[in-house]
């Protein structure tokens, strides 16, 4: 299964995102910061099934995460590991904790003997990339939720920089990081809103935050990052079950 995972930053980069996905021809896609209406349009253009959950409102529009697949989707589930309020709130950049839900999308994709459990999340943000009380609380709840999925391909913008945030080690105790260590950042500072801030740009050039994590059953090959599409680079790889791999 060819998989793409990417934070598309809402509507800002759609003119690059959609052609990129059409060129790559993935079997499945995980997107973050995607609007509900755009998710429907992307699914239609690519001819893919879609599964969306809203995390917040932006100028009244629902924005969240989505999974797309050319394969049939079965056993779809949405699990929140943090809710900002009972109902969706208007996004506040200065108070994300009070205005963003944190959710895990999980779905079985595939046909016949080729079936995969695919998860997607956009994890809790911190201003400096280091863990805080909110992240530590949410990672425990996320791990509790993930116990329902003993084997999973877990995609996401985790906001947990590799080599910077201590929670990365907690994740890799449970899952394998499929992104090669040769990649030091998954942010594209030329398109990122902090790109013109020299101090922040220099610091964030070392932020690897977008991942494909794998449980024991799965294996990834040819994993790479692609830039110039959004403020985050796309993570691209081929996923298979270990028992089906030809070594």
Protein backbone atom coordinates (compact mmCIF):
# COMPACT_ATOMS: atom_id res chain seq x y z
CA UNK A 1 0.00 0.00 0.00
CA UNK A 2 1.41 3.37 -0.99
CA UNK A 3 0.70 5.88 1.77
CA UNK A 4 0.99 9.66 1.98
CA UNK A 5 0.64 11.66 5.21
CA UNK A 6 0.72 15.47 5.27
CA UNK A 7 -0.40 18.59 7.12
CA UNK A 8 -1.85 20.80 4.37
CA UNK A 9 -2.47 23.99 6.45
CA UNK A 10 -6.09 24.44 5.50
CA UNK A 11 -6.76 26.05 2.14
CA UNK A 12 -3.43 27.80 1.71
CA UNK A 13 -1.66 25.23 -0.45
CA UNK A 14 -4.44 23.34 -2.23
CA UNK A 15 -3.14 24.47 -5.62
CA UNK A 16 0.00 22.42 -4.89
CA UNK A 17 -1.48 19.68 -2.68
CA UNK A 18 -4.01 18.30 -5.16
CA UNK A 19 -1.62 18.08 -8.17
CA UNK A 20 0.97 16.46 -5.88
CA UNK A 21 -1.49 13.76 -4.78
CA UNK A 22 -2.58 13.16 -8.36
CA UNK A 23 1.05 12.67 -9.40
CA UNK A 24 1.92 10.36 -6.50
CA UNK A 25 -1.17 8.15 -6.97
CA UNK A 26 -1.23 6.83 -3.39
CA UNK A 27 -3.51 4.02 -2.25
CA UNK A 28 -4.25 5.87 1.01
CA UNK A 29 -3.78 9.41 2.30
CA UNK A 30 -3.83 10.93 5.78
CA UNK A 31 -4.30 14.72 5.90
CA UNK A 32 -4.20 17.16 8.78
CA UNK A 33 -5.67 20.68 9.00
CA UNK A 34 -8.07 19.92 6.16
CA UNK A 35 -11.49 21.56 5.88
CA UNK A 36 -14.52 19.30 5.60
CA UNK A 37 -15.60 20.81 2.26
CA UNK A 38 -12.08 20.49 0.86
CA UNK A 39 -11.87 16.87 2.05
CA UNK A 40 -15.03 16.11 0.07
CA UNK A 41 -13.56 17.82 -3.00
CA UNK A 42 -10.20 16.08 -2.69
CA UNK A 43 -11.91 12.72 -2.37
CA UNK A 44 -13.97 13.42 -5.48
CA UNK A 45 -10.98 14.60 -7.55
CA UNK A 46 -8.84 11.62 -6.55
CA UNK A 47 -11.69 9.14 -6.76
CA UNK A 48 -11.05 8.04 -3.18
CA UNK A 49 -13.29 7.16 -0.26
CA UNK A 50 -12.94 9.59 2.65
CA UNK A 51 -13.33 9.60 6.44
CA UNK A 52 -13.23 12.98 8.22
CA UNK A 53 -13.52 14.30 11.75
CA UNK A 54 -13.59 17.97 12.76
CA UNK A 55 -11.22 19.22 15.46
CA UNK A 56 -12.12 22.92 15.45
CA UNK A 57 -13.92 25.69 13.57
CA UNK A 58 -12.16 28.29 11.43
CA UNK A 59 -14.43 31.17 10.48
CA UNK A 60 -17.33 28.83 11.07
CA UNK A 61 -15.99 26.04 8.83
CA UNK A 62 -15.14 22.61 10.21
CA UNK A 63 -11.43 21.75 10.04
CA UNK A 64 -9.81 18.53 11.14
CA UNK A 65 -8.17 15.34 9.94
CA UNK A 66 -9.11 12.88 7.21
CA UNK A 67 -8.24 9.49 5.77
CA UNK A 68 -8.69 8.77 2.07
CA UNK A 69 -8.46 5.38 0.43
CA UNK A 70 -8.87 3.71 -2.95
CA UNK A 71 -9.51 0.52 -0.99
CA UNK A 72 -12.86 -0.18 0.69
CA UNK A 73 -13.11 1.23 4.22
CA UNK A 74 -14.50 -0.92 7.04
CA UNK A 75 -14.69 -0.73 10.84
CA UNK A 76 -14.36 3.06 10.89
CA UNK A 77 -13.94 4.70 14.28
CA UNK A 78 -13.41 8.12 15.85
CA UNK A 79 -12.00 8.32 19.38
CA UNK A 80 -11.33 11.61 21.17
CA UNK A 81 -8.48 11.61 23.64
CA UNK A 82 -9.10 15.27 24.55
CA UNK A 83 -12.12 17.51 24.09
CA UNK A 84 -11.81 21.26 24.49
CA UNK A 85 -15.55 21.65 25.10
CA UNK A 86 -18.83 19.87 24.52
CA UNK A 87 -19.17 21.44 21.09
CA UNK A 88 -16.70 22.62 18.46
CA UNK A 89 -15.15 26.00 19.20
CA UNK A 90 -13.82 28.72 16.93
CA UNK A 91 -10.06 28.25 16.58
CA UNK A 92 -7.97 30.62 18.68
CA UNK A 93 -4.25 30.60 17.85
CA UNK A 94 -3.49 32.02 21.29
CA UNK A 95 -5.63 29.48 23.15
CA UNK A 96 -5.46 26.23 21.21
CA UNK A 97 -6.13 24.12 24.28
CA UNK A 98 -9.60 25.61 24.71
CA UNK A 99 -10.54 25.48 21.05
CA UNK A 100 -9.19 22.22 19.56
CA UNK A 101 -10.34 18.64 20.09
CA UNK A 102 -7.72 15.89 19.80
CA UNK A 103 -8.96 12.79 17.98
CA UNK A 104 -7.78 9.53 16.51
CA UNK A 105 -9.31 8.30 13.26
CA UNK A 106 -8.95 4.56 12.72
CA UNK A 107 -10.19 2.49 9.81
CA UNK A 108 -9.62 -0.87 8.19
CA UNK A 109 -8.66 -0.40 4.55
CA UNK A 110 -8.01 -3.04 1.92
CA UNK A 111 -9.60 -5.87 0.09
CA UNK A 112 -9.32 -9.63 0.33
CA UNK A 113 -6.27 -10.74 2.31
CA UNK A 114 -4.68 -7.29 2.02
CA UNK A 115 -6.20 -5.41 4.93
CA UNK A 116 -4.54 -2.70 7.00
CA UNK A 117 -5.53 -0.83 10.15
CA UNK A 118 -4.74 2.82 9.43
CA UNK A 119 -4.80 5.52 12.10
CA UNK A 120 -4.49 9.29 11.77
CA UNK A 121 -4.11 12.00 14.39
CA UNK A 122 -2.95 15.59 14.84
CA UNK A 123 -1.44 15.64 18.30
CA UNK A 124 -1.37 18.38 20.90
CA UNK A 125 0.75 21.45 20.07
CA UNK A 126 3.27 23.19 22.31
CA UNK A 127 4.89 26.58 21.57
CA UNK A 128 8.51 25.40 21.82
CA UNK A 129 8.37 21.77 20.73
CA UNK A 130 9.04 20.53 24.26
CA UNK A 131 6.56 18.42 26.20
CA UNK A 132 4.24 20.08 28.70
CA UNK A 133 1.49 18.92 31.07
CA UNK A 134 -1.10 18.89 28.30
CA UNK A 135 0.98 16.74 26.00
CA UNK A 136 1.88 14.35 28.80
CA UNK A 137 -1.76 14.00 29.78
CA UNK A 138 -2.88 13.52 26.18
CA UNK A 139 -0.20 10.98 25.27
CA UNK A 140 -1.30 8.77 28.15
CA UNK A 141 -4.89 8.97 26.95
CA UNK A 142 -3.85 8.34 23.35
CA UNK A 143 -1.89 5.25 24.40
CA UNK A 144 -4.95 4.05 26.31
CA UNK A 145 -7.08 4.50 23.18
CA UNK A 146 -4.49 2.75 21.00
CA UNK A 147 -4.77 -0.40 23.11
CA UNK A 148 -7.95 -1.04 21.12
CA UNK A 149 -5.73 -1.38 18.03
CA UNK A 150 -2.93 -3.88 18.78
CA UNK A 151 -1.66 -3.55 15.21
CA UNK A 152 -1.81 -0.18 13.49
CA UNK A 153 -0.16 2.12 10.96
CA UNK A 154 -0.22 5.41 12.85
CA UNK A 155 0.17 8.62 10.84
CA UNK A 156 0.15 12.16 12.06
CA UNK A 157 1.53 15.58 12.72
CA UNK A 158 2.55 14.79 16.28
CA UNK A 159 4.10 18.14 17.29
CA UNK A 160 6.78 16.04 19.01
CA UNK A 161 10.17 16.83 17.45
CA UNK A 162 12.50 13.86 17.25
CA UNK A 163 15.55 14.39 19.45
CA UNK A 164 13.94 17.41 21.14
CA UNK A 165 10.76 16.27 22.90
CA UNK A 166 11.08 13.47 25.48
CA UNK A 167 7.69 12.00 24.51
CA UNK A 168 9.19 10.78 21.23
CA UNK A 169 10.94 8.12 23.29
CA UNK A 170 7.65 7.07 24.85
CA UNK A 171 6.12 6.58 21.40
CA UNK A 172 9.07 4.60 20.06
CA UNK A 173 8.91 2.23 23.03
CA UNK A 174 5.64 1.06 21.49
CA UNK A 175 5.99 1.75 17.75
CA UNK A 176 8.73 1.91 15.12
CA UNK A 177 9.43 5.23 13.45
CA UNK A 178 9.38 4.58 9.70
CA UNK A 179 10.92 7.94 8.75
CA UNK A 180 14.68 7.59 8.13
CA UNK A 181 16.89 9.32 10.68
CA UNK A 182 18.62 11.14 7.83
CA UNK A 183 15.65 13.54 7.79
CA UNK A 184 16.10 16.16 10.50
CA UNK A 185 12.95 18.23 9.84
CA UNK A 186 9.53 17.76 8.30
CA UNK A 187 8.80 21.50 8.20
CA UNK A 188 9.16 23.58 5.06
CA UNK A 189 10.27 26.94 6.42
CA UNK A 190 9.92 28.62 3.02
CA UNK A 191 6.15 28.12 3.30
CA UNK A 192 5.82 28.09 7.10
CA UNK A 193 4.30 31.13 8.83
CA UNK A 194 7.44 31.40 11.01
CA UNK A 195 9.79 31.20 8.05
CA UNK A 196 10.62 34.91 8.09
CA UNK A 197 11.46 34.83 11.79
CA UNK A 198 15.19 34.08 11.65
CA UNK A 199 15.46 32.84 15.23
CA UNK A 200 12.40 30.59 15.06
CA UNK A 201 13.22 29.38 11.56
CA UNK A 202 16.72 28.34 12.62
CA UNK A 203 15.31 26.42 15.61
CA UNK A 204 12.43 24.80 13.72
CA UNK A 205 14.67 23.56 10.91
CA UNK A 206 15.47 20.74 13.35
CA UNK A 207 11.81 19.85 14.00
CA UNK A 208 10.92 16.40 12.67
CA UNK A 209 7.26 16.22 13.71
CA UNK A 210 5.43 14.29 10.95
CA UNK A 211 5.61 10.52 11.18
CA UNK A 212 4.44 7.11 10.15
CA UNK A 213 4.67 4.88 13.22
CA UNK A 214 4.28 1.12 12.83
CA UNK A 215 3.28 -1.68 15.16
CA UNK A 216 5.09 -5.02 14.91
CA UNK A 217 2.95 -6.48 12.13
CA UNK A 218 3.86 -3.83 9.56
CA UNK A 219 6.92 -2.93 7.54
CA UNK A 220 7.66 0.27 5.59
CA UNK A 221 9.94 0.65 2.58
CA UNK A 222 11.12 3.56 0.43
CA UNK A 223 9.98 6.15 2.99
CA UNK A 224 10.81 9.70 1.93
CA UNK A 225 9.79 13.30 2.52
CA UNK A 226 8.63 15.64 -0.24
CA UNK A 227 8.85 19.43 0.16
CA UNK A 228 7.44 22.48 -1.59
CA UNK A 229 3.80 21.43 -1.17
CA UNK A 230 2.73 22.82 2.21
CA UNK A 231 4.29 24.29 5.35
CA UNK A 232 4.89 20.65 6.33
CA UNK A 233 6.61 18.12 4.10
CA UNK A 234 4.69 15.10 2.91
CA UNK A 235 5.67 11.69 4.28
CA UNK A 236 5.49 9.01 1.59
CA UNK A 237 6.09 5.29 1.95
CA UNK A 238 5.07 1.79 0.98
CA UNK A 239 3.50 -0.29 3.75
CA UNK A 240 3.01 -4.02 3.86
CA UNK A 241 2.50 -6.72 6.45
CA UNK A 242 5.74 -8.40 7.41
CA UNK A 243 4.44 -11.85 6.60
CA UNK A 244 3.68 -10.68 3.04
CA UNK A 245 7.04 -8.99 2.44
CA UNK A 246 9.59 -10.55 0.14
CA UNK A 247 13.00 -10.04 1.73
